[in-house]
Amino acid sequence: QGPVQESGGGLVQAGGSLRLSCKTSRTILSVFTSTSMGWYRQAPGKEREFVASIRGSSTDYADSVMGRFTIAKDNIKRTHSLQMDSLKPEDTAVYYCYCGDRWGPGTQVTVSS
């Protein structure tokens, strides 16, 4: 399994939306399909926290983002995404994607009030 890379971060006003994407390179379809993947985030001065995960068709979300964020995956493209709606200032953090035991470098999401 190759490197993992996020994209799609940026600055948005409260109530807005952003979509993060994560690309996993050099992984065969059967491995990608069965691998657990998802997102964590880390705000300044805080520990990294779980946001969402997906494995096969099963998803899991942190209580703080339930109903606002949606995780999905595209097995053919070897990508998974995080659609973030109704964003709040407290969602501001560096968002990290993972695929199996590989992690991306992170992408900044800033929500202004």
Protein backbone atom coordinates (compact mmCIF):
# COMPACT_ATOMS: atom_id res chain seq x y z
CA GLN A 1 0.00 0.00 0.00
CA GLY A 2 1.37 3.37 -1.02
CA PRO A 3 1.11 6.87 0.41
CA VAL A 4 -2.11 8.54 1.48
CA GLN A 5 -2.85 12.17 0.62
CA GLU A 6 -5.65 14.51 1.64
CA SER A 7 -7.09 17.38 -0.39
CA GLY A 8 -9.95 19.85 -0.10
CA GLY A 9 -9.28 21.76 3.09
CA GLY A 10 -9.72 25.50 3.35
CA LEU A 11 -11.56 28.40 4.96
CA VAL A 12 -15.34 28.49 5.20
CA GLN A 13 -17.93 30.46 7.14
CA ALA A 14 -19.99 28.83 9.86
CA GLY A 15 -22.92 26.98 8.35
CA GLY A 16 -21.02 26.28 5.15
CA SER A 17 -19.75 23.07 3.63
CA LEU A 18 -16.45 21.53 2.61
CA ARG A 19 -15.57 18.20 1.07
CA LEU A 20 -12.30 16.49 1.92
CA SER A 21 -10.88 13.75 -0.23
CA CYS A 22 -8.21 11.16 0.47
CA LYS A 23 -6.32 9.24 -2.19
CA THR A 24 -4.53 6.00 -1.45
CA SER A 25 -1.86 5.13 -3.95
CA ARG A 26 -0.57 1.76 -5.09
CA THR A 27 -3.13 -0.51 -3.49
CA ILE A 28 -4.95 -3.38 -5.14
CA LEU A 29 -8.73 -3.32 -5.28
CA SER A 30 -9.34 -6.32 -3.02
CA VAL A 31 -7.17 -4.83 -0.29
CA PHE A 32 -8.70 -1.37 -0.54
CA THR A 33 -12.24 -2.77 -0.48
CA SER A 34 -11.71 -4.57 2.81
CA THR A 35 -9.53 -2.00 4.58
CA SER A 36 -10.78 0.28 7.31
CA MET A 37 -10.26 3.95 6.50
CA GLY A 38 -11.44 7.29 7.75
CA TRP A 39 -10.67 10.63 9.32
CA TYR A 40 -9.31 12.10 12.52
CA ARG A 41 -8.78 15.74 13.41
CA GLN A 42 -6.61 17.74 15.74
CA ALA A 43 -7.42 21.24 16.93
CA PRO A 44 -4.74 23.52 18.39
CA GLY A 45 -3.86 22.48 21.92
CA LYS A 46 -6.01 19.37 21.76
CA GLU A 47 -5.42 15.69 21.18
CA ARG A 48 -6.19 14.06 17.87
CA GLU A 49 -9.78 12.81 17.86
CA PHE A 50 -11.79 10.38 15.79
CA VAL A 51 -14.20 11.86 13.24
CA ALA A 52 -15.48 9.10 10.98
CA SER A 53 -14.60 5.71 9.54
CA ILE A 54 -15.79 3.33 6.86
CA ARG A 55 -15.11 -0.33 6.21
CA GLY A 56 -17.02 -2.00 3.43
CA SER A 57 -20.47 -0.48 3.76
CA SER A 58 -20.27 0.11 7.51
CA THR A 59 -19.72 3.62 8.78
CA ASP A 60 -19.08 5.15 12.17
CA TYR A 61 -19.11 8.76 13.32
CA ALA A 62 -18.13 10.78 16.34
CA ASP A 63 -21.14 12.14 18.20
CA SER A 64 -19.97 15.68 17.53
CA VAL A 65 -20.31 15.29 13.74
CA MET A 66 -23.22 12.84 13.49
CA GLY A 67 -25.82 14.13 11.07
CA ARG A 68 -23.52 16.82 9.67
CA PHE A 69 -20.63 14.84 8.16
CA THR A 70 -20.85 11.97 5.68
CA ILE A 71 -18.05 9.56 4.85
CA ALA A 72 -17.98 7.69 1.56
CA LYS A 73 -15.53 5.72 -0.55
CA ASP A 74 -14.89 5.00 -4.20
CA ASN A 75 -13.17 1.65 -4.51
CA ILE A 76 -12.36 2.06 -8.19
CA LYS A 77 -10.63 5.40 -7.65
CA ARG A 78 -9.08 4.26 -4.34
CA THR A 79 -10.43 7.35 -2.61
CA HIS A 80 -12.55 8.12 0.40
CA SER A 81 -14.17 11.42 1.21
CA LEU A 82 -15.67 13.40 4.04
CA GLN A 83 -18.56 15.70 3.18
CA MET A 84 -18.84 18.28 5.94
CA ASP A 85 -22.05 20.31 6.16
CA SER A 86 -23.36 22.80 8.71
CA LEU A 87 -19.80 23.51 9.77
CA LYS A 88 -19.15 25.11 13.14
CA PRO A 89 -16.14 27.08 14.40
CA GLU A 90 -15.37 24.15 16.70
CA ASP A 91 -14.79 22.00 13.62
CA THR A 92 -11.63 24.00 12.95
CA ALA A 93 -8.70 21.58 12.98
CA VAL A 94 -6.14 19.79 10.90
CA TYR A 95 -7.92 16.82 9.36
CA TYR A 96 -5.98 13.62 8.81
CA CYS A 97 -7.12 10.74 6.66
CA TYR A 98 -5.96 7.18 7.12
CA CYS A 99 -6.22 3.99 5.15
CA GLY A 100 -5.26 0.91 7.11
CA ASP A 101 -2.11 1.87 8.95
CA ARG A 102 -1.12 4.66 6.56
CA TRP A 103 -1.78 8.32 7.36
CA GLY A 104 -1.84 11.45 5.27
CA PRO A 105 0.04 14.61 6.26
CA GLY A 106 -3.15 16.49 7.11
CA THR A 107 -5.17 19.35 5.65
CA GLN A 108 -6.29 22.49 7.46
CA VAL A 109 -9.98 23.24 7.86
CA THR A 110 -10.86 26.64 9.31
CA VAL A 111 -14.45 27.64 10.08
CA SER A 112 -14.99 31.33 10.77
CA SER A 113 -17.84 32.58 12.93
